[in-house]
């Protein structure tokens, strides 16, 4: 009698594992909304390119190309106003947002301010970068194009 119980438990565990594996494989794969945004992007005026990459559990972006040399002259920290914009991080902490897209912070070297920013991929080659103030009441966006 004990042999039958042992055999039944073994089959039950094996069957449960098989059922779980079948159910898991039937679920659609969850797309990583951050993976498609990773890459090199040029701003709409063609003055700079930003490389977006993973920074731990989030995405960040650094300036990796400038049409002409520029400096961080509007930075609120006077000690940083003579640094080149090349290599500075302008996007940080981007994670999936409840409304879709990604949310994080964007530093705007044109005024030295950091804004709540969203990234929304509108096509494989087009990324809308939207910076907002006053809880989203006032926003400005720029459409970046993917670079090779």
C-alpha atoms as a PDB file:
ATOM      1  CA  UNK A   1       0.000   0.000   0.000  1.00  0.00           C
ATOM      2  CA  UNK A   2       2.824   2.398   0.794  1.00  0.00           C
ATOM      3  CA  UNK A   3       4.316   1.672  -2.594  1.00  0.00           C
ATOM      4  CA  UNK A   4       1.171   2.902  -4.339  1.00  0.00           C
ATOM      5  CA  UNK A   5       1.092   6.109  -2.308  1.00  0.00           C
ATOM      6  CA  UNK A   6       4.739   6.843  -3.093  1.00  0.00           C
ATOM      7  CA  UNK A   7       4.216   6.176  -6.786  1.00  0.00           C
ATOM      8  CA  UNK A   8       1.121   8.384  -6.888  1.00  0.00           C
ATOM      9  CA  UNK A   9       2.913  11.319  -5.236  1.00  0.00           C
ATOM     10  CA  UNK A  10       5.821  11.029  -7.657  1.00  0.00           C
ATOM     11  CA  UNK A  11       3.515  11.053 -10.674  1.00  0.00           C
ATOM     12  CA  UNK A  12       1.522  13.935  -9.217  1.00  0.00           C
ATOM     13  CA  UNK A  13       4.600  16.140  -8.851  1.00  0.00           C
ATOM     14  CA  UNK A  14       5.820  15.228 -12.339  1.00  0.00           C
ATOM     15  CA  UNK A  15       2.381  15.885 -13.825  1.00  0.00           C
ATOM     16  CA  UNK A  16       2.102  19.209 -11.986  1.00  0.00           C
ATOM     17  CA  UNK A  17       5.516  20.268 -13.314  1.00  0.00           C
ATOM     18  CA  UNK A  18       4.512  19.309 -16.843  1.00  0.00           C
ATOM     19  CA  UNK A  19       1.224  21.233 -16.591  1.00  0.00           C
ATOM     20  CA  UNK A  20       3.039  24.293 -15.195  1.00  0.00           C
ATOM     21  CA  UNK A  21       5.599  24.184 -18.015  1.00  0.00           C
ATOM     22  CA  UNK A  22       2.867  23.934 -20.664  1.00  0.00           C
ATOM     23  CA  UNK A  23       0.929  26.831 -19.135  1.00  0.00           C
ATOM     24  CA  UNK A  24       4.033  29.037 -18.901  1.00  0.00           C
ATOM     25  CA  UNK A  25       4.931  28.400 -22.529  1.00  0.00           C
ATOM     26  CA  UNK A  26       1.393  29.315 -23.596  1.00  0.00           C
ATOM     27  CA  UNK A  27       1.653  32.789 -22.017  1.00  0.00           C
ATOM     28  CA  UNK A  28       2.775  35.540 -24.390  1.00  0.00           C
ATOM     29  CA  UNK A  29       6.322  36.726 -23.813  1.00  0.00           C
ATOM     30  CA  UNK A  30       6.430  40.066 -22.036  1.00  0.00           C
ATOM     31  CA  UNK A  31       8.155  42.652 -24.214  1.00  0.00           C
ATOM     32  CA  UNK A  32      10.810  44.748 -22.547  1.00  0.00           C
ATOM     33  CA  UNK A  33       9.678  48.346 -23.222  1.00  0.00           C
ATOM     34  CA  UNK A  34      13.164  49.609 -22.437  1.00  0.00           C
ATOM     35  CA  UNK A  35      15.060  47.372 -24.860  1.00  0.00           C
ATOM     36  CA  UNK A  36      13.669  49.067 -27.969  1.00  0.00           C
ATOM     37  CA  UNK A  37      14.805  52.509 -26.804  1.00  0.00           C
ATOM     38  CA  UNK A  38      18.416  51.510 -26.136  1.00  0.00           C
ATOM     39  CA  UNK A  39      20.622  52.942 -28.863  1.00  0.00           C
ATOM     40  CA  UNK A  40      21.958  56.153 -30.360  1.00  0.00           C
ATOM     41  CA  UNK A  41      19.548  59.038 -31.088  1.00  0.00           C
ATOM     42  CA  UNK A  42      19.972  62.427 -32.841  1.00  0.00           C
ATOM     43  CA  UNK A  43      17.943  65.415 -31.642  1.00  0.00           C
ATOM     44  CA  UNK A  44      15.599  67.176 -34.084  1.00  0.00           C
ATOM     45  CA  UNK A  45      17.935  70.092 -34.849  1.00  0.00           C
ATOM     46  CA  UNK A  46      20.846  67.743 -35.600  1.00  0.00           C
ATOM     47  CA  UNK A  47      23.098  69.417 -33.024  1.00  0.00           C
ATOM     48  CA  UNK A  48      23.748  66.397 -30.779  1.00  0.00           C
ATOM     49  CA  UNK A  49      23.455  62.639 -30.402  1.00  0.00           C
ATOM     50  CA  UNK A  50      22.557  60.850 -27.197  1.00  0.00           C
ATOM     51  CA  UNK A  51      23.403  57.218 -26.444  1.00  0.00           C
ATOM     52  CA  UNK A  52      20.671  55.624 -24.345  1.00  0.00           C
ATOM     53  CA  UNK A  53      21.719  52.565 -22.377  1.00  0.00           C
ATOM     54  CA  UNK A  54      20.824  50.573 -19.286  1.00  0.00           C
ATOM     55  CA  UNK A  55      21.857  51.989 -15.914  1.00  0.00           C
ATOM     56  CA  UNK A  56      20.957  49.255 -13.453  1.00  0.00           C
ATOM     57  CA  UNK A  57      17.178  48.749 -13.555  1.00  0.00           C
ATOM     58  CA  UNK A  58      16.603  51.951 -15.564  1.00  0.00           C
ATOM     59  CA  UNK A  59      17.778  53.736 -18.719  1.00  0.00           C
ATOM     60  CA  UNK A  60      20.141  56.700 -18.914  1.00  0.00           C
ATOM     61  CA  UNK A  61      21.419  58.820 -21.776  1.00  0.00           C
ATOM     62  CA  UNK A  62      24.727  60.607 -22.395  1.00  0.00           C
ATOM     63  CA  UNK A  63      25.733  63.068 -25.089  1.00  0.00           C
ATOM     64  CA  UNK A  64      28.135  61.199 -27.390  1.00  0.00           C
ATOM     65  CA  UNK A  65      28.358  63.573 -30.370  1.00  0.00           C
ATOM     66  CA  UNK A  66      28.104  67.332 -30.857  1.00  0.00           C
ATOM     67  CA  UNK A  67      27.967  69.143 -34.177  1.00  0.00           C
ATOM     68  CA  UNK A  68      30.173  71.799 -32.597  1.00  0.00           C
ATOM     69  CA  UNK A  69      31.808  72.165 -29.199  1.00  0.00           C
ATOM     70  CA  UNK A  70      29.410  73.408 -26.513  1.00  0.00           C
ATOM     71  CA  UNK A  71      29.741  73.966 -22.803  1.00  0.00           C
ATOM     72  CA  UNK A  72      27.377  73.628 -19.853  1.00  0.00           C
ATOM     73  CA  UNK A  73      27.165  77.437 -19.426  1.00  0.00           C
ATOM     74  CA  UNK A  74      23.692  77.437 -17.830  1.00  0.00           C
ATOM     75  CA  UNK A  75      24.435  74.832 -15.185  1.00  0.00           C
ATOM     76  CA  UNK A  76      23.238  76.093 -11.778  1.00  0.00           C
ATOM     77  CA  UNK A  77      26.577  74.934 -10.323  1.00  0.00           C
ATOM     78  CA  UNK A  78      29.038  77.656 -11.381  1.00  0.00           C
ATOM     79  CA  UNK A  79      31.904  75.192 -11.079  1.00  0.00           C
ATOM     80  CA  UNK A  80      30.454  73.085 -13.923  1.00  0.00           C
ATOM     81  CA  UNK A  81      29.791  75.878 -16.414  1.00  0.00           C
ATOM     82  CA  UNK A  82      33.119  75.430 -18.216  1.00  0.00           C
ATOM     83  CA  UNK A  83      32.718  71.664 -18.766  1.00  0.00           C
ATOM     84  CA  UNK A  84      32.059  70.336 -22.224  1.00  0.00           C
ATOM     85  CA  UNK A  85      28.612  68.912 -22.901  1.00  0.00           C
ATOM     86  CA  UNK A  86      30.327  65.908 -24.491  1.00  0.00           C
ATOM     87  CA  UNK A  87      29.831  62.885 -22.262  1.00  0.00           C
ATOM     88  CA  UNK A  88      27.448  64.431 -19.742  1.00  0.00           C
ATOM     89  CA  UNK A  89      24.408  62.446 -18.682  1.00  0.00           C
ATOM     90  CA  UNK A  90      21.230  64.221 -19.783  1.00  0.00           C
ATOM     91  CA  UNK A  91      18.714  61.402 -19.194  1.00  0.00           C
ATOM     92  CA  UNK A  92      18.433  59.404 -15.982  1.00  0.00           C
ATOM     93  CA  UNK A  93      16.204  56.970 -14.139  1.00  0.00           C
ATOM     94  CA  UNK A  94      13.880  56.044 -17.005  1.00  0.00           C
ATOM     95  CA  UNK A  95      11.483  53.234 -16.162  1.00  0.00           C
ATOM     96  CA  UNK A  96       8.151  52.040 -17.597  1.00  0.00           C
ATOM     97  CA  UNK A  97       5.276  54.428 -16.845  1.00  0.00           C
ATOM     98  CA  UNK A  98       1.702  53.449 -16.007  1.00  0.00           C
ATOM     99  CA  UNK A  99       0.453  55.355 -19.074  1.00  0.00           C
ATOM    100  CA  UNK A 100       2.963  53.695 -21.377  1.00  0.00           C
ATOM    101  CA  UNK A 101       6.371  54.886 -22.482  1.00  0.00           C
ATOM    102  CA  UNK A 102       9.095  55.592 -19.939  1.00  0.00           C
ATOM    103  CA  UNK A 103       9.404  58.249 -17.226  1.00  0.00           C
ATOM    104  CA  UNK A 104      12.534  59.737 -15.705  1.00  0.00           C
ATOM    105  CA  UNK A 105      14.461  62.983 -15.557  1.00  0.00           C
ATOM    106  CA  UNK A 106      16.000  64.990 -18.361  1.00  0.00           C
ATOM    107  CA  UNK A 107      18.663  67.657 -17.987  1.00  0.00           C
ATOM    108  CA  UNK A 108      18.341  70.474 -20.527  1.00  0.00           C
ATOM    109  CA  UNK A 109      21.754  72.108 -21.106  1.00  0.00           C
ATOM    110  CA  UNK A 110      20.011  74.984 -22.943  1.00  0.00           C
ATOM    111  CA  UNK A 111      18.694  76.310 -19.614  1.00  0.00           C
ATOM    112  CA  UNK A 112      20.544  74.242 -16.992  1.00  0.00           C
ATOM    113  CA  UNK A 113      17.338  72.767 -15.576  1.00  0.00           C
ATOM    114  CA  UNK A 114      16.173  69.218 -14.968  1.00  0.00           C
ATOM    115  CA  UNK A 115      12.640  68.255 -15.934  1.00  0.00           C
ATOM    116  CA  UNK A 116      10.279  65.339 -15.412  1.00  0.00           C
ATOM    117  CA  UNK A 117      10.623  63.687 -18.797  1.00  0.00           C
ATOM    118  CA  UNK A 118       8.908  60.951 -20.768  1.00  0.00           C
ATOM    119  CA  UNK A 119      10.245  58.884 -23.655  1.00  0.00           C
ATOM    120  CA  UNK A 120       7.793  57.435 -26.151  1.00  0.00           C
ATOM    121  CA  UNK A 121       8.853  55.287 -29.072  1.00  0.00           C
ATOM    122  CA  UNK A 122       6.526  56.212 -31.948  1.00  0.00           C
ATOM    123  CA  UNK A 123       8.262  53.977 -34.497  1.00  0.00           C
ATOM    124  CA  UNK A 124      11.448  51.938 -34.696  1.00  0.00           C
ATOM    125  CA  UNK A 125      13.290  55.101 -35.798  1.00  0.00           C
ATOM    126  CA  UNK A 126      11.450  57.846 -33.918  1.00  0.00           C
ATOM    127  CA  UNK A 127      11.503  58.751 -30.201  1.00  0.00           C
ATOM    128  CA  UNK A 128       9.448  61.574 -28.667  1.00  0.00           C
ATOM    129  CA  UNK A 129      11.204  63.164 -25.692  1.00  0.00           C
ATOM    130  CA  UNK A 130       8.804  65.294 -23.623  1.00  0.00           C
ATOM    131  CA  UNK A 131       9.892  67.479 -20.707  1.00  0.00           C
ATOM    132  CA  UNK A 132       7.237  68.890 -18.367  1.00  0.00           C
ATOM    133  CA  UNK A 133       6.851  71.281 -15.437  1.00  0.00           C
ATOM    134  CA  UNK A 134       3.992  72.076 -13.061  1.00  0.00           C
ATOM    135  CA  UNK A 135       2.891  68.459 -12.843  1.00  0.00           C
ATOM    136  CA  UNK A 136       2.602  68.117 -16.604  1.00  0.00           C
ATOM    137  CA  UNK A 137       0.631  71.319 -17.239  1.00  0.00           C
ATOM    138  CA  UNK A 138       3.373  72.770 -19.419  1.00  0.00           C
ATOM    139  CA  UNK A 139       5.348  70.431 -21.672  1.00  0.00           C
ATOM    140  CA  UNK A 140       7.698  70.708 -24.612  1.00  0.00           C
ATOM    141  CA  UNK A 141       8.748  67.833 -26.815  1.00  0.00           C
ATOM    142  CA  UNK A 142      11.374  66.974 -29.337  1.00  0.00           C
ATOM    143  CA  UNK A 143      11.416  64.069 -31.764  1.00  0.00           C
ATOM    144  CA  UNK A 144      14.717  62.251 -31.998  1.00  0.00           C
ATOM    145  CA  UNK A 145      15.761  59.927 -34.817  1.00  0.00           C
ATOM    146  CA  UNK A 146      17.598  56.648 -34.376  1.00  0.00           C
ATOM    147  CA  UNK A 147      21.182  56.595 -35.627  1.00  0.00           C
ATOM    148  CA  UNK A 148      23.137  53.570 -36.846  1.00  0.00           C
END
